[in-house]
């Protein structure tokens, strides 16, 4: 594990897997840390260097009292990439991490050579009904609430995988849970998505929150040179629910880029 110190003196932890001159950054989403990719990594190509940050407020990174915005997370990811001396790289973003990846690809278009979005929240955000908002936004520290959220979101989650996700979710700071919820539901950067030049793959599953038709309209269509692949079966966490199939799709898209 490594640590990068950001410009506001927050320590952002990251892990490296594989070894090669091709770099791919895996950006996790809300209510989890980089640990959410642990089931996926054994299936990925080892001749690629995979960079897995823990966004601030999660995992082994610092947990400041505030400052959890999409722009701040994007800046933190770039801090890790620059700290490692990486020039060009590909991005894989899941859920809220897909928003962060889109923002990076739009603002650093000359450095991002490929973009893969797993059940990504669109740049415009996705407001939830009031009942869901109360459940999601105030779920920090509540195993019952977080179990309910994961059971709604997932289709093929094993008991072991559920326990792992809950352990990860239980370590996320309350401020991170609340402020990041506000950030990903609001979005707010749809106006720059046209700046993305990297070939983009949007992976859709049988996610009850982000179905393929919605992702086509809200994520694929606004991004130049984007296409959609549907992986039937898993729900919101394909890297956990179907890691081998997800890795095969990512490898097929990223190889050679």
Protein backbone atom coordinates (compact mmCIF):
# COMPACT_ATOMS: atom_id res chain seq x y z
CA UNK A 1 0.00 0.00 0.00
CA UNK A 2 1.15 3.53 -0.75
CA UNK A 3 0.08 6.96 0.45
CA UNK A 4 -0.20 10.24 -1.44
CA UNK A 5 -0.53 13.58 0.35
CA UNK A 6 -2.90 15.95 -1.45
CA UNK A 7 -2.59 19.72 -1.77
CA UNK A 8 -4.87 20.14 1.27
CA UNK A 9 -2.72 17.73 3.32
CA UNK A 10 -5.09 14.74 3.24
CA UNK A 11 -3.47 11.32 2.98
CA UNK A 12 -5.02 9.23 0.21
CA UNK A 13 -4.08 5.56 0.35
CA UNK A 14 -3.76 3.40 -2.75
CA UNK A 15 -2.81 -0.14 -3.72
CA UNK A 16 -1.01 -1.38 -6.83
CA UNK A 17 -1.67 -4.70 -8.53
CA UNK A 18 0.08 -6.19 -11.53
CA UNK A 19 3.16 -4.80 -13.20
CA UNK A 20 3.48 -3.16 -16.57
CA UNK A 21 3.84 0.09 -18.45
CA UNK A 22 0.10 0.26 -19.12
CA UNK A 23 -1.78 1.89 -16.22
CA UNK A 24 -5.44 1.63 -15.25
CA UNK A 25 -7.01 3.45 -12.30
CA UNK A 26 -9.98 1.80 -10.60
CA UNK A 27 -12.26 4.39 -8.98
CA UNK A 28 -14.78 3.11 -6.46
CA UNK A 29 -18.17 4.55 -5.63
CA UNK A 30 -20.28 5.55 -2.66
CA UNK A 31 -20.43 3.67 0.67
CA UNK A 32 -17.37 1.52 -0.14
CA UNK A 33 -13.60 1.83 -0.52
CA UNK A 34 -11.14 0.46 -3.05
CA UNK A 35 -11.73 -2.88 -1.36
CA UNK A 36 -14.81 -3.24 -3.57
CA UNK A 37 -12.47 -4.28 -6.41
CA UNK A 38 -10.75 -7.07 -4.44
CA UNK A 39 -12.84 -9.83 -6.04
CA UNK A 40 -12.13 -8.45 -9.52
CA UNK A 41 -8.36 -8.09 -9.34
CA UNK A 42 -7.43 -11.83 -9.50
CA UNK A 43 -9.15 -12.03 -12.90
CA UNK A 44 -7.40 -9.01 -14.43
CA UNK A 45 -4.25 -9.09 -16.56
CA UNK A 46 -1.07 -8.92 -14.47
CA UNK A 47 0.95 -7.24 -17.24
CA UNK A 48 -1.09 -4.11 -16.50
CA UNK A 49 -0.47 -1.92 -13.45
CA UNK A 50 -3.80 -1.42 -11.70
CA UNK A 51 -4.00 1.56 -9.35
CA UNK A 52 -6.71 1.34 -6.69
CA UNK A 53 -7.14 4.43 -4.50
CA UNK A 54 -9.26 4.66 -1.36
CA UNK A 55 -11.09 7.96 -1.82
CA UNK A 56 -10.85 10.32 1.15
CA UNK A 57 -13.22 9.26 3.92
CA UNK A 58 -12.88 5.57 3.03
CA UNK A 59 -10.58 2.62 3.63
CA UNK A 60 -7.08 3.53 4.77
CA UNK A 61 -7.30 7.15 3.64
CA UNK A 62 -7.77 10.12 5.96
CA UNK A 63 -11.32 10.96 6.98
CA UNK A 64 -11.64 14.76 7.17
CA UNK A 65 -14.78 16.33 8.62
CA UNK A 66 -15.96 17.74 5.28
CA UNK A 67 -15.02 18.38 1.67
CA UNK A 68 -16.51 15.33 -0.06
CA UNK A 69 -17.29 16.56 -3.55
CA UNK A 70 -16.91 14.95 -6.96
CA UNK A 71 -14.39 17.60 -8.00
CA UNK A 72 -12.32 17.04 -4.86
CA UNK A 73 -12.27 13.27 -5.41
CA UNK A 74 -11.24 13.79 -9.04
CA UNK A 75 -8.41 16.02 -7.90
CA UNK A 76 -7.34 13.40 -5.33
CA UNK A 77 -7.24 10.65 -7.96
CA UNK A 78 -5.07 12.86 -10.15
CA UNK A 79 -2.82 13.50 -7.16
CA UNK A 80 -2.26 9.75 -6.83
CA UNK A 81 -1.55 9.37 -10.57
CA UNK A 82 0.90 12.28 -10.53
CA UNK A 83 2.51 11.02 -7.32
CA UNK A 84 3.25 7.74 -9.13
CA UNK A 85 4.69 9.58 -12.12
CA UNK A 86 2.10 8.16 -14.52
CA UNK A 87 1.54 10.06 -17.77
CA UNK A 88 -1.27 8.48 -19.76
CA UNK A 89 -3.72 6.05 -18.19
CA UNK A 90 -7.12 4.41 -18.50
CA UNK A 91 -9.93 4.80 -16.01
CA UNK A 92 -12.50 2.34 -14.69
CA UNK A 93 -15.19 3.96 -12.56
CA UNK A 94 -18.06 2.28 -10.73
CA UNK A 95 -21.28 4.06 -9.74
CA UNK A 96 -20.27 7.42 -8.20
CA UNK A 97 -16.73 6.49 -9.22
CA UNK A 98 -18.01 6.58 -12.78
CA UNK A 99 -18.92 10.21 -12.28
CA UNK A 100 -15.46 10.94 -10.92
CA UNK A 101 -13.89 9.10 -13.87
CA UNK A 102 -16.01 11.09 -16.33
CA UNK A 103 -14.94 14.34 -14.71
CA UNK A 104 -11.27 13.37 -14.93
CA UNK A 105 -11.63 12.25 -18.55
CA UNK A 106 -13.31 15.55 -19.43
CA UNK A 107 -10.78 17.77 -17.67
CA UNK A 108 -7.62 15.75 -18.50
CA UNK A 109 -8.61 14.50 -21.93
CA UNK A 110 -5.05 14.38 -23.27
CA UNK A 111 -3.99 11.92 -20.56
CA UNK A 112 -6.93 9.52 -20.41
CA UNK A 113 -6.65 6.92 -23.20
CA UNK A 114 -9.70 4.81 -22.33
CA UNK A 115 -12.72 5.07 -20.05
CA UNK A 116 -14.81 2.19 -18.72
CA UNK A 117 -17.90 2.97 -16.66
CA UNK A 118 -19.56 0.26 -14.56
CA UNK A 119 -23.18 1.13 -13.78
CA UNK A 120 -22.13 4.76 -13.64
CA UNK A 121 -24.23 7.54 -12.21
CA UNK A 122 -24.63 10.14 -14.99
CA UNK A 123 -22.89 13.51 -14.91
CA UNK A 124 -26.29 15.10 -14.42
CA UNK A 125 -26.85 13.13 -11.21
CA UNK A 126 -29.83 11.02 -10.26
CA UNK A 127 -32.18 12.45 -7.61
CA UNK A 128 -33.95 9.85 -5.47
CA UNK A 129 -37.42 9.88 -3.90
CA UNK A 130 -37.61 11.28 -0.37
CA UNK A 131 -37.95 7.88 1.31
CA UNK A 132 -34.87 6.53 -0.47
CA UNK A 133 -32.99 9.75 0.26
CA UNK A 134 -33.59 9.35 3.98
CA UNK A 135 -32.46 5.72 3.89
CA UNK A 136 -29.32 6.32 1.82
CA UNK A 137 -28.14 9.65 3.22
CA UNK A 138 -28.43 8.62 6.87
CA UNK A 139 -27.12 5.07 6.51
CA UNK A 140 -23.71 5.65 8.09
CA UNK A 141 -23.11 3.32 11.03
CA UNK A 142 -26.36 1.42 10.44
CA UNK A 143 -25.80 -2.17 9.37
CA UNK A 144 -29.56 -2.57 8.95
CA UNK A 145 -29.84 0.37 6.54
CA UNK A 146 -26.76 -0.61 4.58
CA UNK A 147 -27.96 -4.20 4.30
CA UNK A 148 -31.29 -2.94 2.95
CA UNK A 149 -29.50 -0.77 0.37
CA UNK A 150 -27.25 -3.60 -0.81
CA UNK A 151 -30.13 -6.08 -0.99
CA UNK A 152 -32.09 -3.63 -3.15
CA UNK A 153 -29.12 -2.94 -5.42
CA UNK A 154 -27.73 -6.44 -5.94
CA UNK A 155 -29.06 -9.50 -7.75
CA UNK A 156 -26.48 -12.26 -7.26
CA UNK A 157 -24.63 -11.33 -4.06
CA UNK A 158 -23.39 -14.22 -1.93
CA UNK A 159 -23.59 -14.11 1.86
CA UNK A 160 -19.80 -13.85 2.01
CA UNK A 161 -19.73 -10.95 -0.44
CA UNK A 162 -22.52 -9.18 1.45
CA UNK A 163 -20.60 -9.51 4.71
CA UNK A 164 -17.47 -8.09 3.04
CA UNK A 165 -19.34 -5.11 1.59
CA UNK A 166 -20.99 -4.40 4.93
CA UNK A 167 -17.65 -4.50 6.75
CA UNK A 168 -16.28 -2.02 4.24
CA UNK A 169 -19.36 0.21 4.41
CA UNK A 170 -19.23 0.22 8.21
CA UNK A 171 -15.80 1.87 8.13
CA UNK A 172 -16.86 4.85 5.99
CA UNK A 173 -17.15 8.16 7.83
CA UNK A 174 -20.57 9.70 8.34
CA UNK A 175 -19.59 12.96 6.67
CA UNK A 176 -18.35 11.02 3.64
CA UNK A 177 -21.62 9.05 3.39
CA UNK A 178 -23.80 12.17 3.62
CA UNK A 179 -21.80 14.62 1.52
CA UNK A 180 -21.01 12.08 -1.19
CA UNK A 181 -24.68 11.16 -1.39
CA UNK A 182 -25.47 14.83 -1.96
CA UNK A 183 -22.71 15.00 -4.58
CA UNK A 184 -23.64 12.01 -6.71
CA UNK A 185 -27.37 12.68 -6.67
CA UNK A 186 -26.75 16.28 -7.78
CA UNK A 187 -24.09 15.59 -10.44
CA UNK A 188 -23.70 19.04 -11.91
CA UNK A 189 -21.04 18.72 -14.60
CA UNK A 190 -22.99 17.53 -17.65
CA UNK A 191 -21.86 20.62 -19.54
CA UNK A 192 -18.26 19.34 -19.87
CA UNK A 193 -18.95 15.74 -20.88
CA UNK A 194 -18.50 16.61 -24.55
CA UNK A 195 -14.81 17.18 -23.78
CA UNK A 196 -14.24 13.44 -23.29
CA UNK A 197 -12.16 12.17 -26.20
CA UNK A 198 -11.24 8.71 -24.90
CA UNK A 199 -13.00 5.62 -26.26
CA UNK A 200 -15.65 4.88 -23.66
CA UNK A 201 -17.37 1.65 -22.68
CA UNK A 202 -20.43 1.72 -20.43
CA UNK A 203 -21.14 -1.60 -18.74
CA UNK A 204 -24.80 -2.09 -17.85
CA UNK A 205 -26.20 -5.00 -15.85
CA UNK A 206 -29.63 -5.84 -14.47
CA UNK A 207 -29.12 -3.06 -11.94
CA UNK A 208 -32.58 -2.04 -10.63
CA UNK A 209 -31.43 1.55 -10.11
CA UNK A 210 -29.51 2.07 -13.37
CA UNK A 211 -31.02 -0.19 -16.08
CA UNK A 212 -29.50 -0.39 -19.57
CA UNK A 213 -32.08 1.86 -21.26
CA UNK A 214 -31.48 4.59 -18.70
CA UNK A 215 -27.69 4.31 -18.97
CA UNK A 216 -27.91 4.49 -22.76
CA UNK A 217 -29.83 7.75 -22.61
CA UNK A 218 -28.13 9.37 -19.60
CA UNK A 219 -24.51 8.19 -19.90
CA UNK A 220 -23.76 6.74 -23.34
CA UNK A 221 -25.50 9.28 -25.57
CA UNK A 222 -23.89 12.42 -24.05
CA UNK A 223 -20.33 11.04 -24.34
CA UNK A 224 -18.64 11.13 -27.76
CA UNK A 225 -17.39 7.72 -28.94
CA UNK A 226 -19.21 5.79 -26.19
CA UNK A 227 -20.89 2.40 -26.47
CA UNK A 228 -22.81 0.11 -24.13
CA UNK A 229 -22.37 -3.55 -23.24
CA UNK A 230 -25.06 -5.37 -21.28
CA UNK A 231 -24.02 -8.07 -18.81
CA UNK A 232 -27.21 -9.84 -17.72
CA UNK A 233 -27.53 -11.30 -14.25
CA UNK A 234 -25.70 -9.15 -11.70
CA UNK A 235 -27.07 -6.00 -10.12
CA UNK A 236 -25.29 -2.80 -9.15
CA UNK A 237 -21.92 -4.35 -8.21
CA UNK A 238 -20.76 -6.42 -11.20
CA UNK A 239 -17.15 -6.44 -9.98
CA UNK A 240 -18.40 -8.25 -6.85
CA UNK A 241 -21.35 -10.22 -8.21
CA UNK A 242 -19.74 -11.37 -11.47
CA UNK A 243 -16.00 -10.62 -11.26
CA UNK A 244 -14.78 -13.06 -13.92
CA UNK A 245 -17.26 -11.84 -16.54
CA UNK A 246 -16.61 -8.20 -15.66
CA UNK A 247 -12.84 -8.68 -15.93
CA UNK A 248 -13.22 -10.33 -19.33
CA UNK A 249 -15.22 -7.35 -20.63
CA UNK A 250 -12.68 -4.87 -19.23
CA UNK A 251 -9.71 -6.78 -20.62
CA UNK A 252 -11.30 -6.99 -24.07
CA UNK A 253 -11.94 -3.25 -24.09
CA UNK A 254 -8.73 -2.02 -22.49
CA UNK A 255 -6.16 -4.27 -24.13
CA UNK A 256 -4.04 -2.35 -26.58
CA UNK A 257 -5.12 1.06 -25.36
